[in-house]
């Protein structure tokens, strides 16, 4: 009857509430337990950018909880660094995070309103700064406004420049 139906409904609601409480408890435990503190953080593939700079960029360091940032969040943060072309971040429970990065390789310098570095993929990836490589081919005389507003022009200019650099290096 109705009492039996109400009892079943109350029991189902109790099971749902208990399940939610257990999930929250496990999540809180995993995010705060010293058992999940990072004791091994390996970064490979970096030559130009120091590991401590990459740790700071991704927001993870020795002693942090392995669940404090998702691998996707750490990867996105690393790939926002101008020298990092791509990154892979893996959690190895209980206490390890492995990071592999691929750094950009500057192929030429493009001078617009200021000098910029361009990588092998024909991507303008950062303004030139002190300490950056200076022994690169330099492209000057580019119409900065057209470069900024005309994607086709920009793509053709950069890809043909990279191709020319490759041909010159091969010769």
C-alpha atoms as a PDB file:
ATOM      1  CA  UNK A   1       0.000   0.000   0.000  1.00  0.00           C
ATOM      2  CA  UNK A   2       0.894   3.661   0.343  1.00  0.00           C
ATOM      3  CA  UNK A   3       2.964   3.109   3.515  1.00  0.00           C
ATOM      4  CA  UNK A   4       5.118   0.565   1.746  1.00  0.00           C
ATOM      5  CA  UNK A   5       5.588   2.896  -1.226  1.00  0.00           C
ATOM      6  CA  UNK A   6       6.556   5.770   1.120  1.00  0.00           C
ATOM      7  CA  UNK A   7       9.026   3.488   2.937  1.00  0.00           C
ATOM      8  CA  UNK A   8      10.668   2.547  -0.365  1.00  0.00           C
ATOM      9  CA  UNK A   9      10.843   6.187  -1.423  1.00  0.00           C
ATOM     10  CA  UNK A  10      12.429   7.212   1.899  1.00  0.00           C
ATOM     11  CA  UNK A  11      14.934   4.342   1.648  1.00  0.00           C
ATOM     12  CA  UNK A  12      15.866   5.299  -1.931  1.00  0.00           C
ATOM     13  CA  UNK A  13      16.333   8.933  -0.923  1.00  0.00           C
ATOM     14  CA  UNK A  14      18.460   7.818   2.045  1.00  0.00           C
ATOM     15  CA  UNK A  15      20.654   5.668  -0.211  1.00  0.00           C
ATOM     16  CA  UNK A  16      21.133   8.556  -2.636  1.00  0.00           C
ATOM     17  CA  UNK A  17      22.036  10.925   0.200  1.00  0.00           C
ATOM     18  CA  UNK A  18      24.441   8.381   1.711  1.00  0.00           C
ATOM     19  CA  UNK A  19      26.075   7.812  -1.675  1.00  0.00           C
ATOM     20  CA  UNK A  20      26.561  11.543  -2.188  1.00  0.00           C
ATOM     21  CA  UNK A  21      28.040  11.866   1.312  1.00  0.00           C
ATOM     22  CA  UNK A  22      30.469   9.002   0.675  1.00  0.00           C
ATOM     23  CA  UNK A  23      31.587  10.477  -2.657  1.00  0.00           C
ATOM     24  CA  UNK A  24      32.180  13.873  -1.044  1.00  0.00           C
ATOM     25  CA  UNK A  25      34.090  12.285   1.842  1.00  0.00           C
ATOM     26  CA  UNK A  26      36.334  10.307  -0.549  1.00  0.00           C
ATOM     27  CA  UNK A  27      36.896  13.399  -2.700  1.00  0.00           C
ATOM     28  CA  UNK A  28      37.788  15.536   0.335  1.00  0.00           C
ATOM     29  CA  UNK A  29      40.097  12.814   1.667  1.00  0.00           C
ATOM     30  CA  UNK A  30      41.881  12.422  -1.698  1.00  0.00           C
ATOM     31  CA  UNK A  31      42.386  16.192  -2.069  1.00  0.00           C
ATOM     32  CA  UNK A  32      43.719  16.749   1.468  1.00  0.00           C
ATOM     33  CA  UNK A  33      45.457  13.516   2.434  1.00  0.00           C
ATOM     34  CA  UNK A  34      49.254  13.563   2.736  1.00  0.00           C
ATOM     35  CA  UNK A  35      49.148  10.146   1.056  1.00  0.00           C
ATOM     36  CA  UNK A  36      48.593  11.986  -2.228  1.00  0.00           C
ATOM     37  CA  UNK A  37      51.245  14.688  -1.832  1.00  0.00           C
ATOM     38  CA  UNK A  38      53.474  14.882  -4.919  1.00  0.00           C
ATOM     39  CA  UNK A  39      56.938  13.534  -4.133  1.00  0.00           C
ATOM     40  CA  UNK A  40      58.043  12.959  -7.731  1.00  0.00           C
ATOM     41  CA  UNK A  41      57.513  15.608 -10.392  1.00  0.00           C
ATOM     42  CA  UNK A  42      59.423  14.889 -13.584  1.00  0.00           C
ATOM     43  CA  UNK A  43      59.587  17.303 -16.500  1.00  0.00           C
ATOM     44  CA  UNK A  44      61.212  16.198 -19.745  1.00  0.00           C
ATOM     45  CA  UNK A  45      61.710  17.837 -23.118  1.00  0.00           C
ATOM     46  CA  UNK A  46      62.637  21.259 -21.791  1.00  0.00           C
ATOM     47  CA  UNK A  47      65.980  22.728 -22.780  1.00  0.00           C
ATOM     48  CA  UNK A  48      65.321  26.459 -22.879  1.00  0.00           C
ATOM     49  CA  UNK A  49      62.744  26.825 -20.091  1.00  0.00           C
ATOM     50  CA  UNK A  50      63.881  25.815 -16.574  1.00  0.00           C
ATOM     51  CA  UNK A  51      61.790  23.179 -14.789  1.00  0.00           C
ATOM     52  CA  UNK A  52      60.972  25.499 -11.880  1.00  0.00           C
ATOM     53  CA  UNK A  53      59.498  28.021 -14.326  1.00  0.00           C
ATOM     54  CA  UNK A  54      57.330  25.271 -15.841  1.00  0.00           C
ATOM     55  CA  UNK A  55      56.246  24.096 -12.373  1.00  0.00           C
ATOM     56  CA  UNK A  56      55.173  27.646 -11.584  1.00  0.00           C
ATOM     57  CA  UNK A  57      53.381  27.970 -14.931  1.00  0.00           C
ATOM     58  CA  UNK A  58      51.344  24.797 -14.438  1.00  0.00           C
ATOM     59  CA  UNK A  59      50.686  25.440 -10.748  1.00  0.00           C
ATOM     60  CA  UNK A  60      52.125  22.169  -9.411  1.00  0.00           C
ATOM     61  CA  UNK A  61      55.149  21.524  -7.212  1.00  0.00           C
ATOM     62  CA  UNK A  62      56.573  18.909  -4.857  1.00  0.00           C
ATOM     63  CA  UNK A  63      54.323  18.678  -1.802  1.00  0.00           C
ATOM     64  CA  UNK A  64      51.133  19.726  -3.609  1.00  0.00           C
ATOM     65  CA  UNK A  65      48.276  17.252  -3.771  1.00  0.00           C
ATOM     66  CA  UNK A  66      48.176  15.271  -7.042  1.00  0.00           C
ATOM     67  CA  UNK A  67      44.500  16.180  -7.345  1.00  0.00           C
ATOM     68  CA  UNK A  68      44.981  19.934  -6.808  1.00  0.00           C
ATOM     69  CA  UNK A  69      44.959  20.444 -10.609  1.00  0.00           C
ATOM     70  CA  UNK A  70      43.714  18.139 -13.306  1.00  0.00           C
ATOM     71  CA  UNK A  71      46.197  17.026 -15.972  1.00  0.00           C
ATOM     72  CA  UNK A  72      44.147  18.989 -18.516  1.00  0.00           C
ATOM     73  CA  UNK A  73      44.375  22.199 -16.452  1.00  0.00           C
ATOM     74  CA  UNK A  74      48.135  21.764 -16.045  1.00  0.00           C
ATOM     75  CA  UNK A  75      48.570  21.052 -19.776  1.00  0.00           C
ATOM     76  CA  UNK A  76      46.555  24.144 -20.738  1.00  0.00           C
ATOM     77  CA  UNK A  77      48.593  26.285 -18.348  1.00  0.00           C
ATOM     78  CA  UNK A  78      51.865  24.957 -19.766  1.00  0.00           C
ATOM     79  CA  UNK A  79      50.773  25.505 -23.362  1.00  0.00           C
ATOM     80  CA  UNK A  80      50.044  29.145 -22.562  1.00  0.00           C
ATOM     81  CA  UNK A  81      53.781  29.622 -21.947  1.00  0.00           C
ATOM     82  CA  UNK A  82      55.251  31.186 -25.110  1.00  0.00           C
ATOM     83  CA  UNK A  83      58.099  28.673 -25.424  1.00  0.00           C
ATOM     84  CA  UNK A  84      55.907  25.570 -25.026  1.00  0.00           C
ATOM     85  CA  UNK A  85      54.381  24.221 -28.241  1.00  0.00           C
ATOM     86  CA  UNK A  86      52.683  21.224 -26.603  1.00  0.00           C
ATOM     87  CA  UNK A  87      52.600  19.375 -23.314  1.00  0.00           C
ATOM     88  CA  UNK A  88      51.439  16.065 -21.893  1.00  0.00           C
ATOM     89  CA  UNK A  89      50.712  15.735 -18.173  1.00  0.00           C
ATOM     90  CA  UNK A  90      50.124  12.362 -16.507  1.00  0.00           C
ATOM     91  CA  UNK A  91      49.208  11.506 -12.926  1.00  0.00           C
ATOM     92  CA  UNK A  92      50.775   8.331 -11.560  1.00  0.00           C
ATOM     93  CA  UNK A  93      49.058   7.581  -8.282  1.00  0.00           C
ATOM     94  CA  UNK A  94      49.666   7.874  -5.502  1.00  0.00           C
ATOM     95  CA  UNK A  95      52.441  10.544  -5.586  1.00  0.00           C
ATOM     96  CA  UNK A  96      53.857  11.141  -9.059  1.00  0.00           C
ATOM     97  CA  UNK A  97      53.213  13.626 -11.860  1.00  0.00           C
ATOM     98  CA  UNK A  98      55.003  13.216 -15.189  1.00  0.00           C
ATOM     99  CA  UNK A  99      55.227  16.107 -17.640  1.00  0.00           C
ATOM    100  CA  UNK A 100      56.569  16.023 -21.173  1.00  0.00           C
ATOM    101  CA  UNK A 101      56.900  19.253 -23.136  1.00  0.00           C
ATOM    102  CA  UNK A 102      57.849  20.134 -26.674  1.00  0.00           C
ATOM    103  CA  UNK A 103      59.472  23.533 -26.863  1.00  0.00           C
ATOM    104  CA  UNK A 104      59.163  25.859 -29.800  1.00  0.00           C
ATOM    105  CA  UNK A 105      62.221  26.185 -32.024  1.00  0.00           C
ATOM    106  CA  UNK A 106      62.672  29.704 -33.370  1.00  0.00           C
ATOM    107  CA  UNK A 107      63.252  29.659 -37.118  1.00  0.00           C
ATOM    108  CA  UNK A 108      63.324  33.356 -37.904  1.00  0.00           C
ATOM    109  CA  UNK A 109      62.718  36.838 -36.575  1.00  0.00           C
ATOM    110  CA  UNK A 110      59.916  38.961 -37.996  1.00  0.00           C
ATOM    111  CA  UNK A 111      60.199  42.726 -37.570  1.00  0.00           C
ATOM    112  CA  UNK A 112      56.866  44.563 -37.513  1.00  0.00           C
ATOM    113  CA  UNK A 113      56.405  47.326 -34.956  1.00  0.00           C
ATOM    114  CA  UNK A 114      58.910  45.340 -32.874  1.00  0.00           C
ATOM    115  CA  UNK A 115      60.797  42.070 -33.481  1.00  0.00           C
ATOM    116  CA  UNK A 116      58.953  38.765 -32.967  1.00  0.00           C
ATOM    117  CA  UNK A 117      60.123  35.167 -32.978  1.00  0.00           C
ATOM    118  CA  UNK A 118      58.557  32.746 -35.463  1.00  0.00           C
ATOM    119  CA  UNK A 119      58.808  28.969 -34.975  1.00  0.00           C
ATOM    120  CA  UNK A 120      59.199  26.104 -37.440  1.00  0.00           C
ATOM    121  CA  UNK A 121      55.403  25.827 -37.704  1.00  0.00           C
ATOM    122  CA  UNK A 122      55.226  29.427 -39.004  1.00  0.00           C
ATOM    123  CA  UNK A 123      53.693  30.631 -35.742  1.00  0.00           C
ATOM    124  CA  UNK A 124      54.591  34.031 -34.330  1.00  0.00           C
ATOM    125  CA  UNK A 125      54.958  32.980 -30.724  1.00  0.00           C
ATOM    126  CA  UNK A 126      56.489  35.845 -28.765  1.00  0.00           C
ATOM    127  CA  UNK A 127      58.055  39.281 -28.928  1.00  0.00           C
ATOM    128  CA  UNK A 128      61.836  39.238 -28.998  1.00  0.00           C
ATOM    129  CA  UNK A 129      63.414  39.792 -25.564  1.00  0.00           C
ATOM    130  CA  UNK A 130      66.927  39.992 -24.225  1.00  0.00           C
ATOM    131  CA  UNK A 131      68.343  36.473 -23.981  1.00  0.00           C
ATOM    132  CA  UNK A 132      66.412  35.156 -26.993  1.00  0.00           C
ATOM    133  CA  UNK A 133      68.395  33.777 -29.936  1.00  0.00           C
ATOM    134  CA  UNK A 134      69.757  36.464 -32.245  1.00  0.00           C
ATOM    135  CA  UNK A 135      71.395  34.288 -34.903  1.00  0.00           C
ATOM    136  CA  UNK A 136      68.207  33.948 -36.942  1.00  0.00           C
ATOM    137  CA  UNK A 137      67.220  35.102 -40.419  1.00  0.00           C
ATOM    138  CA  UNK A 138      65.343  38.408 -40.166  1.00  0.00           C
ATOM    139  CA  UNK A 139      62.291  39.444 -42.195  1.00  0.00           C
ATOM    140  CA  UNK A 140      61.781  43.196 -42.479  1.00  0.00           C
ATOM    141  CA  UNK A 141      59.725  45.521 -44.647  1.00  0.00           C
ATOM    142  CA  UNK A 142      56.418  43.838 -43.822  1.00  0.00           C
ATOM    143  CA  UNK A 143      53.266  45.960 -43.789  1.00  0.00           C
ATOM    144  CA  UNK A 144      52.253  45.501 -40.128  1.00  0.00           C
ATOM    145  CA  UNK A 145      48.622  46.524 -40.689  1.00  0.00           C
ATOM    146  CA  UNK A 146      48.155  44.107 -43.588  1.00  0.00           C
ATOM    147  CA  UNK A 147      49.964  41.383 -41.636  1.00  0.00           C
ATOM    148  CA  UNK A 148      47.561  41.846 -38.715  1.00  0.00           C
ATOM    149  CA  UNK A 149      44.367  42.060 -40.780  1.00  0.00           C
ATOM    150  CA  UNK A 150      44.926  39.713 -43.743  1.00  0.00           C
ATOM    151  CA  UNK A 151      45.170  36.085 -42.647  1.00  0.00           C
ATOM    152  CA  UNK A 152      45.959  34.819 -46.160  1.00  0.00           C
ATOM    153  CA  UNK A 153      48.822  37.290 -46.527  1.00  0.00           C
ATOM    154  CA  UNK A 154      50.142  36.410 -43.078  1.00  0.00           C
ATOM    155  CA  UNK A 155      49.985  32.663 -43.750  1.00  0.00           C
ATOM    156  CA  UNK A 156      51.640  32.948 -47.166  1.00  0.00           C
ATOM    157  CA  UNK A 157      54.383  35.255 -45.883  1.00  0.00           C
ATOM    158  CA  UNK A 158      55.280  33.035 -42.933  1.00  0.00           C
ATOM    159  CA  UNK A 159      55.066  29.648 -44.683  1.00  0.00           C
ATOM    160  CA  UNK A 160      57.059  30.831 -47.699  1.00  0.00           C
ATOM    161  CA  UNK A 161      59.653  32.419 -45.386  1.00  0.00           C
ATOM    162  CA  UNK A 162      60.044  29.176 -43.437  1.00  0.00           C
ATOM    163  CA  UNK A 163      60.335  27.229 -46.714  1.00  0.00           C
ATOM    164  CA  UNK A 164      62.998  29.668 -47.926  1.00  0.00           C
ATOM    165  CA  UNK A 165      64.948  29.243 -44.668  1.00  0.00           C
ATOM    166  CA  UNK A 166      64.804  25.445 -45.088  1.00  0.00           C
ATOM    167  CA  UNK A 167      66.015  25.666 -48.679  1.00  0.00           C
ATOM    168  CA  UNK A 168      68.841  27.986 -47.635  1.00  0.00           C
ATOM    169  CA  UNK A 169      69.878  25.640 -44.822  1.00  0.00           C
ATOM    170  CA  UNK A 170      69.820  22.646 -47.185  1.00  0.00           C
ATOM    171  CA  UNK A 171      72.048  24.451 -49.691  1.00  0.00           C
END
